[in-house]
Amino acid sequence: MFERFTDKARAVVVAAKVKAQEHGDDQIRPAHILYGLTTSDGVATQALTALGVDAAAVDRELARTGTAEGARGGLAQADEADDDAEALAAIGIDLDEIKRRIEESFGPGALGRVPLTPKGPLNWTGGRLPFNEQAKLTLVLSFREARAMHHNYIGTEHVLLGVIRVAERYPHGEFAAVMLPGLGLDLATAYDRALTEVLQIIRAHLSGR
C-alpha cells in the first residue's frame, strides 16, 4: 500500500525529483534518490552522515558526473515490466486488477488501445518526470528489504538499502562505478552501516517498552 511509505520516505522521492529538475535531467535516477536521502532527517541520513556523505557532497558529484547515467543496466523488457508491476504493487497498485476492470468496462484489449499514465511510482511525485529503470528498481528493492525485515512500512533506511542493492546489481554503471567512489562510499560498508542504524532503532524501540 502507498501508506507503507513513511512521510520521510515520500519526501526523499520528492527531493529527488526537484534535484533532477535542477540538474536539467529528464528522469529521476538513483543518484537523485541518494541526494534526497541526505536531505531527510530519517535513519538513512544518520547512516550516510556516519559515512561522511551529505547533501553538498552528492550535489557536487551530480555536477561532476553530469546528467547522463550511462547504460540502462541491461534490464530485459520482460524484467522491466515485472519491476514496474512490483514497484506499483509496493504502493498498492495492482496492474492485473486495473486491467481486469478496464477490460470489463471497455472490452478485451482496451488497455492496449489507450495510453495510460499510472498513478504509481512513475508519477506519484507529481508532474511527468519519470523514474529511470534503476530508480524504479530501487523502489522494488526497498520494498523487498522492508519485507525481509518483516517491517510493515518503507522508511528512508529501506530506500537507502534499495539504492545500494541497485548499485550492486549494476557495478559498471555510472552510479556505482563513478559517483559512489567519488563520494568515498564502499557498497559493503554502506550496506552494513544502514543495517546497523536499523538494528539500533529496533533495540531502542524494544528497550522502551
N, C-alpha and C. Protein backbone atom coordinates (compact mmCIF):
# COMPACT_ATOMS: atom_id res chain seq x y z
N MET A 1 0.85 -1.20 0.00
CA MET A 1 0.00 0.00 0.00
C MET A 1 0.88 1.25 0.00
N PHE A 2 0.36 2.32 -0.61
CA PHE A 2 1.09 3.58 -0.65
C PHE A 2 1.40 4.06 0.76
N GLU A 3 0.50 3.73 1.69
CA GLU A 3 0.68 4.17 3.06
C GLU A 3 1.92 3.56 3.70
N ARG A 4 2.47 2.52 3.08
CA ARG A 4 3.68 1.91 3.64
C ARG A 4 4.87 2.85 3.59
N PHE A 5 4.86 3.79 2.65
CA PHE A 5 5.94 4.75 2.59
C PHE A 5 5.74 5.79 3.69
N THR A 6 6.74 5.93 4.55
CA THR A 6 6.64 6.94 5.59
C THR A 6 6.68 8.33 4.96
N ASP A 7 6.28 9.32 5.73
CA ASP A 7 6.33 10.69 5.21
C ASP A 7 7.75 11.06 4.81
N LYS A 8 8.72 10.61 5.61
CA LYS A 8 10.11 10.93 5.31
C LYS A 8 10.57 10.26 4.02
N ALA A 9 10.12 9.03 3.79
CA ALA A 9 10.49 8.32 2.57
C ALA A 9 9.87 8.99 1.35
N ARG A 10 8.62 9.44 1.48
CA ARG A 10 7.98 10.16 0.37
C ARG A 10 8.72 11.47 0.09
N ALA A 11 9.12 12.14 1.16
CA ALA A 11 9.84 13.41 0.99
C ALA A 11 11.16 13.20 0.26
N VAL A 12 11.78 12.05 0.47
CA VAL A 12 13.03 11.73 -0.22
C VAL A 12 12.81 11.72 -1.73
N VAL A 13 11.72 11.09 -2.17
CA VAL A 13 11.46 10.99 -3.60
C VAL A 13 11.09 12.35 -4.19
N VAL A 14 10.37 13.14 -3.43
CA VAL A 14 10.04 14.50 -3.89
C VAL A 14 11.32 15.31 -4.04
N ALA A 15 12.22 15.20 -3.06
CA ALA A 15 13.50 15.92 -3.14
C ALA A 15 14.32 15.43 -4.32
N ALA A 16 14.24 14.13 -4.61
CA ALA A 16 14.95 13.56 -5.76
C ALA A 16 14.44 14.17 -7.06
N LYS A 17 13.13 14.32 -7.16
CA LYS A 17 12.54 14.91 -8.36
C LYS A 17 13.00 16.36 -8.53
N VAL A 18 12.97 17.12 -7.45
CA VAL A 18 13.38 18.52 -7.51
C VAL A 18 14.85 18.63 -7.95
N LYS A 19 15.69 17.76 -7.39
CA LYS A 19 17.11 17.80 -7.75
C LYS A 19 17.31 17.42 -9.21
N ALA A 20 16.57 16.44 -9.70
CA ALA A 20 16.68 16.05 -11.11
C ALA A 20 16.32 17.24 -12.00
N GLN A 21 15.27 17.96 -11.63
CA GLN A 21 14.85 19.12 -12.42
C GLN A 21 15.91 20.22 -12.37
N GLU A 22 16.51 20.42 -11.21
CA GLU A 22 17.54 21.44 -11.07
C GLU A 22 18.73 21.16 -11.99
N HIS A 23 19.04 19.87 -12.16
CA HIS A 23 20.18 19.50 -12.99
C HIS A 23 19.80 19.30 -14.45
N GLY A 24 18.54 19.61 -14.79
CA GLY A 24 18.11 19.51 -16.17
C GLY A 24 17.99 18.08 -16.67
N ASP A 25 17.83 17.13 -15.75
CA ASP A 25 17.69 15.74 -16.14
C ASP A 25 16.24 15.48 -16.52
N ASP A 26 16.03 14.52 -17.42
CA ASP A 26 14.66 14.20 -17.83
C ASP A 26 14.13 12.96 -17.13
N GLN A 27 14.92 12.40 -16.21
CA GLN A 27 14.49 11.24 -15.43
C GLN A 27 15.04 11.34 -14.02
N ILE A 28 14.32 10.72 -13.09
CA ILE A 28 14.83 10.58 -11.73
C ILE A 28 15.71 9.35 -11.68
N ARG A 29 16.93 9.50 -11.18
CA ARG A 29 17.90 8.41 -11.15
C ARG A 29 18.27 8.06 -9.71
N PRO A 30 18.94 6.93 -9.48
CA PRO A 30 19.39 6.59 -8.13
C PRO A 30 20.22 7.69 -7.47
N ALA A 31 21.01 8.39 -8.27
CA ALA A 31 21.82 9.48 -7.71
C ALA A 31 20.94 10.57 -7.11
N HIS A 32 19.81 10.85 -7.76
CA HIS A 32 18.89 11.85 -7.22
C HIS A 32 18.24 11.34 -5.93
N ILE A 33 17.93 10.05 -5.91
CA ILE A 33 17.34 9.47 -4.70
C ILE A 33 18.34 9.53 -3.55
N LEU A 34 19.61 9.26 -3.86
CA LEU A 34 20.65 9.35 -2.83
C LEU A 34 20.71 10.78 -2.28
N TYR A 35 20.61 11.77 -3.17
CA TYR A 35 20.58 13.16 -2.71
C TYR A 35 19.39 13.37 -1.78
N GLY A 36 18.22 12.88 -2.19
CA GLY A 36 17.03 13.03 -1.36
C GLY A 36 17.22 12.42 0.02
N LEU A 37 17.91 11.30 0.07
CA LEU A 37 18.16 10.65 1.36
C LEU A 37 19.02 11.52 2.28
N THR A 38 19.95 12.25 1.69
CA THR A 38 20.82 13.09 2.51
C THR A 38 20.09 14.31 3.06
N THR A 39 18.96 14.67 2.46
CA THR A 39 18.23 15.87 2.90
C THR A 39 17.14 15.56 3.92
N SER A 40 16.87 14.27 4.13
CA SER A 40 15.83 13.90 5.10
C SER A 40 16.44 13.88 6.50
N ASP A 41 15.58 13.71 7.49
CA ASP A 41 16.11 13.56 8.85
C ASP A 41 15.81 12.15 9.35
N GLY A 42 15.79 11.20 8.41
CA GLY A 42 15.48 9.82 8.74
C GLY A 42 16.72 9.00 9.06
N VAL A 43 16.50 7.71 9.19
CA VAL A 43 17.58 6.78 9.53
C VAL A 43 18.67 6.79 8.48
N ALA A 44 18.28 6.88 7.21
CA ALA A 44 19.27 6.85 6.13
C ALA A 44 20.26 8.01 6.25
N THR A 45 19.76 9.16 6.64
CA THR A 45 20.64 10.32 6.79
C THR A 45 21.67 10.08 7.88
N GLN A 46 21.25 9.46 8.98
CA GLN A 46 22.18 9.13 10.05
C GLN A 46 23.28 8.20 9.55
N ALA A 47 22.89 7.19 8.75
CA ALA A 47 23.87 6.25 8.22
C ALA A 47 24.83 6.94 7.26
N LEU A 48 24.28 7.79 6.38
CA LEU A 48 25.12 8.47 5.40
C LEU A 48 26.05 9.48 6.07
N THR A 49 25.54 10.16 7.08
CA THR A 49 26.38 11.12 7.82
C THR A 49 27.56 10.40 8.47
N ALA A 50 27.28 9.22 9.03
CA ALA A 50 28.35 8.43 9.65
C ALA A 50 29.39 8.00 8.62
N LEU A 51 28.96 7.91 7.36
CA LEU A 51 29.87 7.52 6.29
C LEU A 51 30.52 8.74 5.62
N GLY A 52 30.21 9.93 6.13
CA GLY A 52 30.81 11.14 5.60
C GLY A 52 30.16 11.66 4.34
N VAL A 53 28.90 11.28 4.10
CA VAL A 53 28.20 11.71 2.89
C VAL A 53 27.06 12.64 3.26
N ASP A 54 27.06 13.85 2.69
CA ASP A 54 25.99 14.79 2.95
C ASP A 54 25.45 15.34 1.63
N ALA A 55 24.44 16.20 1.71
CA ALA A 55 23.79 16.72 0.52
C ALA A 55 24.77 17.48 -0.38
N ALA A 56 25.66 18.26 0.23
CA ALA A 56 26.60 19.05 -0.56
C ALA A 56 27.53 18.14 -1.37
N ALA A 57 27.97 17.04 -0.75
CA ALA A 57 28.87 16.12 -1.44
C ALA A 57 28.16 15.45 -2.62
N VAL A 58 26.92 15.03 -2.42
CA VAL A 58 26.17 14.39 -3.50
C VAL A 58 25.91 15.39 -4.62
N ASP A 59 25.59 16.62 -4.25
CA ASP A 59 25.34 17.66 -5.25
C ASP A 59 26.59 17.90 -6.09
N ARG A 60 27.74 17.90 -5.45
CA ARG A 60 29.00 18.09 -6.20
C ARG A 60 29.21 16.95 -7.19
N GLU A 61 28.93 15.73 -6.74
CA GLU A 61 29.12 14.59 -7.62
C GLU A 61 28.13 14.61 -8.78
N LEU A 62 26.92 15.05 -8.52
CA LEU A 62 25.94 15.19 -9.60
C LEU A 62 26.43 16.18 -10.65
N ALA A 63 27.00 17.27 -10.19
CA ALA A 63 27.52 18.27 -11.12
C ALA A 63 28.73 17.74 -11.88
N ARG A 64 29.54 16.94 -11.20
CA ARG A 64 30.76 16.40 -11.83
C ARG A 64 30.45 15.33 -12.86
N THR A 65 29.51 14.45 -12.53
CA THR A 65 29.23 13.31 -13.42
C THR A 65 28.24 13.65 -14.51
N GLY A 66 27.56 14.79 -14.41
CA GLY A 66 26.60 15.18 -15.43
C GLY A 66 25.27 14.49 -15.26
N THR A 67 24.40 14.64 -16.28
CA THR A 67 23.04 14.13 -16.16
C THR A 67 22.86 12.75 -16.75
N ALA A 68 23.80 12.31 -17.61
CA ALA A 68 23.61 11.01 -18.26
C ALA A 68 24.09 9.90 -17.35
N GLU A 69 23.25 8.95 -17.06
CA GLU A 69 23.62 7.84 -16.18
C GLU A 69 24.37 6.77 -16.93
N GLY A 70 24.41 6.79 -18.24
CA GLY A 70 25.09 5.75 -18.98
C GLY A 70 24.14 4.62 -19.30
N ALA A 71 24.70 3.44 -19.38
CA ALA A 71 23.90 2.27 -19.78
C ALA A 71 22.75 2.06 -18.82
N ARG A 72 21.65 1.55 -19.34
CA ARG A 72 20.46 1.34 -18.54
C ARG A 72 20.61 0.15 -17.62
N GLY A 73 21.69 -0.59 -17.74
CA GLY A 73 21.92 -1.69 -16.82
C GLY A 73 21.52 -3.04 -17.36
N GLY A 74 21.02 -3.10 -18.60
CA GLY A 74 20.76 -4.38 -19.22
C GLY A 74 19.50 -5.07 -18.80
N LEU A 75 18.52 -4.34 -18.25
CA LEU A 75 17.25 -4.98 -17.91
C LEU A 75 16.53 -5.39 -19.18
N ALA A 76 16.13 -6.65 -19.26
CA ALA A 76 15.34 -7.12 -20.38
C ALA A 76 13.96 -6.52 -20.29
N GLN A 77 13.26 -6.45 -21.43
CA GLN A 77 11.94 -5.85 -21.42
C GLN A 77 11.01 -6.56 -20.47
N ALA A 78 11.08 -7.88 -20.42
CA ALA A 78 10.21 -8.64 -19.52
C ALA A 78 10.52 -8.30 -18.08
N ASP A 79 11.83 -8.16 -17.77
CA ASP A 79 12.21 -7.81 -16.40
C ASP A 79 11.74 -6.43 -16.04
N GLU A 80 11.81 -5.48 -17.03
CA GLU A 80 11.35 -4.12 -16.77
C GLU A 80 9.87 -4.13 -16.43
N ALA A 81 9.10 -4.90 -17.17
CA ALA A 81 7.67 -4.97 -16.92
C ALA A 81 7.40 -5.54 -15.54
N ASP A 82 8.16 -6.58 -15.16
CA ASP A 82 7.99 -7.17 -13.83
C ASP A 82 8.34 -6.17 -12.74
N ASP A 83 9.45 -5.43 -12.95
CA ASP A 83 9.88 -4.46 -11.95
C ASP A 83 8.86 -3.34 -11.81
N ASP A 84 8.32 -2.86 -12.94
CA ASP A 84 7.29 -1.83 -12.90
C ASP A 84 6.10 -2.32 -12.10
N ALA A 85 5.67 -3.54 -12.39
CA ALA A 85 4.50 -4.09 -11.72
C ALA A 85 4.73 -4.22 -10.23
N GLU A 86 5.92 -4.68 -9.84
CA GLU A 86 6.18 -4.86 -8.42
C GLU A 86 6.32 -3.53 -7.70
N ALA A 87 6.92 -2.54 -8.39
CA ALA A 87 7.04 -1.22 -7.79
C ALA A 87 5.67 -0.62 -7.56
N LEU A 88 4.77 -0.80 -8.53
CA LEU A 88 3.41 -0.31 -8.38
C LEU A 88 2.69 -1.05 -7.26
N ALA A 89 2.89 -2.36 -7.21
CA ALA A 89 2.24 -3.15 -6.17
C ALA A 89 2.71 -2.75 -4.79
N ALA A 90 3.96 -2.33 -4.70
CA ALA A 90 4.52 -1.95 -3.40
C ALA A 90 3.78 -0.77 -2.79
N ILE A 91 3.17 0.06 -3.62
CA ILE A 91 2.41 1.19 -3.07
C ILE A 91 0.92 1.03 -3.34
N GLY A 92 0.52 -0.23 -3.55
CA GLY A 92 -0.90 -0.52 -3.58
C GLY A 92 -1.57 -0.47 -4.94
N ILE A 93 -0.81 -0.56 -6.02
CA ILE A 93 -1.38 -0.54 -7.36
C ILE A 93 -1.27 -1.94 -7.96
N ASP A 94 -2.39 -2.59 -8.20
CA ASP A 94 -2.44 -3.94 -8.76
C ASP A 94 -2.75 -3.82 -10.25
N LEU A 95 -1.72 -4.01 -11.09
CA LEU A 95 -1.91 -3.84 -12.53
C LEU A 95 -2.90 -4.85 -13.10
N ASP A 96 -2.87 -6.08 -12.61
CA ASP A 96 -3.81 -7.09 -13.10
C ASP A 96 -5.25 -6.69 -12.81
N GLU A 97 -5.46 -6.13 -11.62
CA GLU A 97 -6.82 -5.71 -11.25
C GLU A 97 -7.26 -4.51 -12.09
N ILE A 98 -6.33 -3.59 -12.34
CA ILE A 98 -6.64 -2.44 -13.19
C ILE A 98 -7.02 -2.91 -14.59
N LYS A 99 -6.22 -3.84 -15.14
CA LYS A 99 -6.50 -4.36 -16.48
C LYS A 99 -7.87 -5.04 -16.52
N ARG A 100 -8.17 -5.84 -15.48
CA ARG A 100 -9.45 -6.55 -15.44
C ARG A 100 -10.62 -5.58 -15.46
N ARG A 101 -10.51 -4.53 -14.65
CA ARG A 101 -11.60 -3.57 -14.58
C ARG A 101 -11.78 -2.79 -15.87
N ILE A 102 -10.64 -2.41 -16.50
CA ILE A 102 -10.72 -1.66 -17.75
C ILE A 102 -11.36 -2.52 -18.84
N GLU A 103 -10.93 -3.78 -18.95
CA GLU A 103 -11.48 -4.66 -19.98
C GLU A 103 -12.93 -5.02 -19.68
N GLU A 104 -13.28 -5.05 -18.42
CA GLU A 104 -14.67 -5.32 -18.04
C GLU A 104 -15.57 -4.18 -18.51
N SER A 105 -15.03 -2.96 -18.46
CA SER A 105 -15.82 -1.80 -18.84
C SER A 105 -15.76 -1.48 -20.33
N PHE A 106 -14.56 -1.70 -20.94
CA PHE A 106 -14.37 -1.24 -22.32
C PHE A 106 -14.05 -2.35 -23.31
N GLY A 107 -14.04 -3.60 -22.85
CA GLY A 107 -13.81 -4.72 -23.76
C GLY A 107 -12.39 -5.22 -23.74
N PRO A 108 -12.17 -6.46 -24.23
CA PRO A 108 -10.83 -7.06 -24.26
C PRO A 108 -9.84 -6.21 -25.05
N GLY A 109 -8.63 -6.09 -24.54
CA GLY A 109 -7.59 -5.34 -25.22
C GLY A 109 -7.68 -3.85 -25.08
N ALA A 110 -8.60 -3.36 -24.25
CA ALA A 110 -8.78 -1.91 -24.12
C ALA A 110 -7.54 -1.23 -23.58
N LEU A 111 -6.82 -1.92 -22.70
CA LEU A 111 -5.64 -1.32 -22.09
C LEU A 111 -4.59 -0.98 -23.14
N GLY A 112 -4.49 -1.84 -24.17
CA GLY A 112 -3.50 -1.61 -25.21
C GLY A 112 -3.90 -0.51 -26.17
N ARG A 113 -5.17 -0.16 -26.19
CA ARG A 113 -5.65 0.87 -27.12
C ARG A 113 -5.59 2.27 -26.54
N VAL A 114 -5.43 2.36 -25.21
CA VAL A 114 -5.45 3.66 -24.56
C VAL A 114 -4.13 3.90 -23.84
N PRO A 115 -3.41 5.00 -24.17
CA PRO A 115 -2.16 5.29 -23.46
C PRO A 115 -2.46 5.74 -22.03
N LEU A 116 -2.09 4.90 -21.07
CA LEU A 116 -2.39 5.21 -19.67
C LEU A 116 -1.15 5.68 -18.95
N THR A 117 -1.32 6.61 -18.04
CA THR A 117 -0.24 7.04 -17.16
C THR A 117 -0.61 6.61 -15.75
N PRO A 118 0.00 5.55 -15.23
CA PRO A 118 -0.42 5.02 -13.93
C PRO A 118 -0.13 5.98 -12.79
N LYS A 119 -1.02 5.99 -11.80
CA LYS A 119 -0.80 6.79 -10.61
C LYS A 119 0.08 5.99 -9.65
N GLY A 120 1.29 5.77 -10.04
CA GLY A 120 2.19 4.91 -9.28
C GLY A 120 3.55 5.55 -9.17
N PRO A 121 4.63 4.75 -9.02
CA PRO A 121 5.96 5.31 -8.85
C PRO A 121 6.41 6.19 -10.00
N LEU A 122 5.82 6.00 -11.20
CA LEU A 122 6.26 6.80 -12.33
C LEU A 122 5.87 8.27 -12.19
N ASN A 123 4.80 8.55 -11.45
CA ASN A 123 4.38 9.96 -11.39
C ASN A 123 3.76 10.35 -10.06
N TRP A 124 3.97 9.58 -9.01
CA TRP A 124 3.32 9.95 -7.76
C TRP A 124 3.98 11.13 -7.07
N THR A 125 5.10 11.61 -7.63
CA THR A 125 5.70 12.83 -7.11
C THR A 125 5.04 14.06 -7.73
N GLY A 126 4.16 13.84 -8.70
CA GLY A 126 3.53 14.95 -9.40
C GLY A 126 4.28 15.27 -10.67
N GLY A 127 3.57 15.79 -11.66
CA GLY A 127 4.21 16.11 -12.92
C GLY A 127 4.51 14.87 -13.74
N ARG A 128 5.37 15.02 -14.75
CA ARG A 128 5.62 13.92 -15.67
C ARG A 128 7.07 13.44 -15.65
N LEU A 129 7.88 13.88 -14.72
CA LEU A 129 9.27 13.44 -14.68
C LEU A 129 9.31 11.99 -14.20
N PRO A 130 9.74 11.05 -15.05
CA PRO A 130 9.67 9.64 -14.67
C PRO A 130 10.92 9.16 -13.94
N PHE A 131 10.79 8.02 -13.32
CA PHE A 131 11.93 7.29 -12.79
C PHE A 131 12.58 6.54 -13.95
N ASN A 132 13.91 6.46 -13.98
CA ASN A 132 14.53 5.57 -14.95
C ASN A 132 14.47 4.14 -14.42
N GLU A 133 14.98 3.19 -15.20
CA GLU A 133 14.81 1.79 -14.84
C GLU A 133 15.45 1.45 -13.49
N GLN A 134 16.64 1.99 -13.24
CA GLN A 134 17.32 1.66 -12.00
C GLN A 134 16.66 2.35 -10.80
N ALA A 135 16.09 3.51 -11.01
CA ALA A 135 15.37 4.18 -9.92
C ALA A 135 14.09 3.43 -9.59
N LYS A 136 13.40 2.94 -10.63
CA LYS A 136 12.21 2.12 -10.37
C LYS A 136 12.59 0.86 -9.61
N LEU A 137 13.72 0.27 -10.00
CA LEU A 137 14.19 -0.94 -9.31
C LEU A 137 14.54 -0.63 -7.86
N THR A 138 15.01 0.60 -7.60
CA THR A 138 15.30 1.00 -6.22
C THR A 138 14.05 0.88 -5.36
N LEU A 139 12.90 1.32 -5.89
CA LEU A 139 11.65 1.20 -5.14
C LEU A 139 11.29 -0.26 -4.89
N VAL A 140 11.47 -1.09 -5.91
CA VAL A 140 11.17 -2.51 -5.77
C VAL A 140 12.04 -3.13 -4.67
N LEU A 141 13.33 -2.85 -4.73
CA LEU A 141 14.25 -3.45 -3.77
C LEU A 141 14.08 -2.86 -2.37
N SER A 142 13.64 -1.61 -2.29
CA SER A 142 13.32 -1.03 -0.98
C SER A 142 12.19 -1.80 -0.33
N PHE A 143 11.19 -2.12 -1.14
CA PHE A 143 10.05 -2.89 -0.66
C PHE A 143 10.50 -4.27 -0.21
N ARG A 144 11.39 -4.90 -0.99
CA ARG A 144 11.88 -6.23 -0.63
C ARG A 144 12.68 -6.21 0.67
N GLU A 145 13.50 -5.16 0.85
CA GLU A 145 14.28 -5.05 2.08
C GLU A 145 13.36 -4.92 3.29
N ALA A 146 12.32 -4.09 3.15
CA ALA A 146 11.36 -3.93 4.26
C ALA A 146 10.66 -5.24 4.55
N ARG A 147 10.27 -5.94 3.49
CA ARG A 147 9.57 -7.21 3.66
C ARG A 147 10.47 -8.24 4.31
N ALA A 148 11.76 -8.27 3.93
CA ALA A 148 12.70 -9.22 4.51
C ALA A 148 12.89 -8.99 6.00
N MET A 149 12.74 -7.73 6.43
CA MET A 149 12.88 -7.40 7.84
C MET A 149 11.56 -7.51 8.59
N HIS A 150 10.51 -7.91 7.88
CA HIS A 150 9.16 -8.02 8.45
C HIS A 150 8.65 -6.67 8.95
N HIS A 151 9.03 -5.61 8.23
CA HIS A 151 8.54 -4.27 8.55
C HIS A 151 7.30 -3.99 7.70
N ASN A 152 6.31 -3.38 8.30
CA ASN A 152 5.08 -3.08 7.56
C ASN A 152 5.08 -1.66 7.02
N TYR A 153 6.25 -1.06 6.92
CA TYR A 153 6.39 0.28 6.37
C TYR A 153 7.66 0.32 5.54
N ILE A 154 7.79 1.32 4.69
CA ILE A 154 9.00 1.55 3.91
C ILE A 154 9.55 2.91 4.31
N GLY A 155 10.67 2.88 5.01
CA GLY A 155 11.28 4.11 5.51
C GLY A 155 12.52 4.48 4.72
N THR A 156 13.16 5.56 5.13
CA THR A 156 14.35 6.00 4.41
C THR A 156 15.45 4.96 4.46
N GLU A 157 15.50 4.19 5.56
CA GLU A 157 16.52 3.14 5.67
C GLU A 157 16.35 2.08 4.59
N HIS A 158 15.11 1.73 4.30
CA HIS A 158 14.85 0.73 3.26
C HIS A 158 15.18 1.29 1.88
N VAL A 159 14.89 2.57 1.68
CA VAL A 159 15.21 3.20 0.40
C VAL A 159 16.73 3.22 0.20
N LEU A 160 17.47 3.53 1.25
CA LEU A 160 18.94 3.52 1.16
C LEU A 160 19.44 2.12 0.81
N LEU A 161 18.90 1.12 1.47
CA LEU A 161 19.31 -0.26 1.16
C LEU A 161 18.96 -0.60 -0.29
N GLY A 162 17.82 -0.10 -0.77
CA GLY A 162 17.45 -0.32 -2.16
C GLY A 162 18.42 0.32 -3.13
N VAL A 163 18.86 1.54 -2.81
CA VAL A 163 19.84 2.24 -3.64
C VAL A 163 21.14 1.44 -3.71
N ILE A 164 21.56 0.92 -2.56
CA ILE A 164 22.81 0.15 -2.52
C ILE A 164 22.67 -1.14 -3.31
N ARG A 165 21.53 -1.81 -3.18
CA ARG A 165 21.30 -3.05 -3.92
C ARG A 165 21.34 -2.82 -5.43
N VAL A 166 20.79 -1.69 -5.88
CA VAL A 166 20.82 -1.38 -7.31
C VAL A 166 22.26 -1.19 -7.77
N ALA A 167 23.06 -0.50 -6.97
CA ALA A 167 24.47 -0.30 -7.32
C ALA A 167 25.20 -1.63 -7.38
N GLU A 168 24.84 -2.56 -6.50
CA GLU A 168 25.45 -3.89 -6.53
C GLU A 168 25.08 -4.65 -7.79
N ARG A 169 23.85 -4.47 -8.24
CA ARG A 169 23.39 -5.18 -9.44
C ARG A 169 24.04 -4.65 -10.71
N TYR A 170 24.35 -3.35 -10.71
CA TYR A 170 24.92 -2.74 -11.90
C TYR A 170 26.25 -2.05 -11.54
N PRO A 171 27.27 -2.85 -11.22
CA PRO A 171 28.54 -2.29 -10.73
C PRO A 171 29.29 -1.46 -11.75
N HIS A 172 28.97 -1.62 -13.05
CA HIS A 172 29.70 -0.88 -14.08
C HIS A 172 28.95 0.36 -14.56
N GLY A 173 27.77 0.61 -14.00
CA GLY A 173 27.03 1.81 -14.35
C GLY A 173 27.67 3.03 -13.72
N GLU A 174 27.30 4.20 -14.23
CA GLU A 174 27.91 5.43 -13.72
C GLU A 174 27.68 5.62 -12.23
N PHE A 175 26.49 5.28 -11.77
CA PHE A 175 26.17 5.49 -10.36
C PHE A 175 27.11 4.70 -9.46
N ALA A 176 27.29 3.40 -9.75
CA ALA A 176 28.12 2.55 -8.91
C ALA A 176 29.61 2.75 -9.16
N ALA A 177 29.97 2.91 -10.43
CA ALA A 177 31.38 2.94 -10.79
C ALA A 177 32.03 4.31 -10.70
N VAL A 178 31.22 5.37 -10.78
CA VAL A 178 31.79 6.72 -10.80
C VAL A 178 31.34 7.54 -9.59
N MET A 179 30.03 7.63 -9.39
CA MET A 179 29.54 8.53 -8.36
C MET A 179 29.85 8.04 -6.95
N LEU A 180 29.55 6.78 -6.66
CA LEU A 180 29.77 6.28 -5.30
C LEU A 180 31.25 6.32 -4.90
N PRO A 181 32.17 5.88 -5.79
CA PRO A 181 33.59 6.03 -5.42
C PRO A 181 33.98 7.49 -5.21
N GLY A 182 33.35 8.39 -5.99
CA GLY A 182 33.63 9.82 -5.83
C GLY A 182 33.22 10.33 -4.46
N LEU A 183 32.24 9.64 -3.86
CA LEU A 183 31.78 10.01 -2.51
C LEU A 183 32.55 9.24 -1.43
N GLY A 184 33.44 8.36 -1.88
CA GLY A 184 34.18 7.55 -0.92
C GLY A 184 33.34 6.45 -0.30
N LEU A 185 32.28 6.03 -1.02
CA LEU A 185 31.37 5.01 -0.50
C LEU A 185 31.72 3.64 -1.02
N ASP A 186 31.94 2.73 -0.09
CA ASP A 186 32.10 1.32 -0.42
C ASP A 186 30.75 0.65 -0.19
N LEU A 187 30.28 -0.14 -1.15
CA LEU A 187 28.93 -0.69 -1.07
C LEU A 187 28.72 -1.56 0.16
N ALA A 188 29.67 -2.44 0.43
CA ALA A 188 29.51 -3.34 1.58
C ALA A 188 29.47 -2.55 2.89
N THR A 189 30.35 -1.56 3.01
CA THR A 189 30.38 -0.74 4.22
C THR A 189 29.10 0.06 4.37
N ALA A 190 28.63 0.62 3.26
CA ALA A 190 27.39 1.42 3.31
C ALA A 190 26.20 0.55 3.71
N TYR A 191 26.12 -0.65 3.17
CA TYR A 191 25.01 -1.55 3.49
C TYR A 191 25.06 -1.94 4.97
N ASP A 192 26.24 -2.28 5.45
CA ASP A 192 26.38 -2.67 6.86
C ASP A 192 26.02 -1.52 7.78
N ARG A 193 26.40 -0.31 7.40
CA ARG A 193 26.11 0.85 8.25
C ARG A 193 24.60 1.10 8.29
N ALA A 194 23.94 0.98 7.15
CA ALA A 194 22.49 1.17 7.13
C ALA A 194 21.80 0.13 7.98
N LEU A 195 22.23 -1.11 7.90
CA LEU A 195 21.64 -2.17 8.72
C LEU A 195 21.89 -1.90 10.21
N THR A 196 23.07 -1.40 10.53
CA THR A 196 23.39 -1.08 11.93
C THR A 196 22.43 -0.04 12.48
N GLU A 197 22.15 0.99 11.68
CA GLU A 197 21.22 2.03 12.12
C GLU A 197 19.82 1.45 12.35
N VAL A 198 19.40 0.55 11.46
CA VAL A 198 18.09 -0.08 11.60
C VAL A 198 18.02 -0.89 12.89
N LEU A 199 19.06 -1.67 13.15
CA LEU A 199 19.09 -2.50 14.35
C LEU A 199 19.10 -1.66 15.62
N GLN A 200 19.79 -0.53 15.56
CA GLN A 200 19.81 0.35 16.73
C GLN A 200 18.43 0.90 17.04
N ILE A 201 17.67 1.21 15.99
CA ILE A 201 16.31 1.70 16.18
C ILE A 201 15.43 0.61 16.79
N ILE A 202 15.58 -0.61 16.28
CA ILE A 202 14.79 -1.71 16.80
C ILE A 202 15.12 -1.95 18.28
N ARG A 203 16.39 -1.93 18.62
CA ARG A 203 16.79 -2.14 20.02
C ARG A 203 16.23 -1.03 20.91
N ALA A 204 16.29 0.21 20.43
CA ALA A 204 15.78 1.34 21.21
C ALA A 204 14.29 1.19 21.42
N HIS A 205 13.58 0.72 20.39
CA HIS A 205 12.14 0.53 20.49
C HIS A 205 11.81 -0.56 21.52
N LEU A 206 12.55 -1.65 21.46
CA LEU A 206 12.29 -2.77 22.36
C LEU A 206 12.63 -2.41 23.82
N SER A 207 13.71 -1.67 23.99
CA SER A 207 14.11 -1.31 25.35
C SER A 207 13.17 -0.29 25.95
N GLY A 208 12.43 0.44 25.10
CA GLY A 208 11.50 1.45 25.58
C GLY A 208 10.17 0.89 25.96
N ARG A 209 9.94 -0.38 25.68
CA ARG A 209 8.65 -0.99 26.01
C ARG A 209 8.51 -1.21 27.51
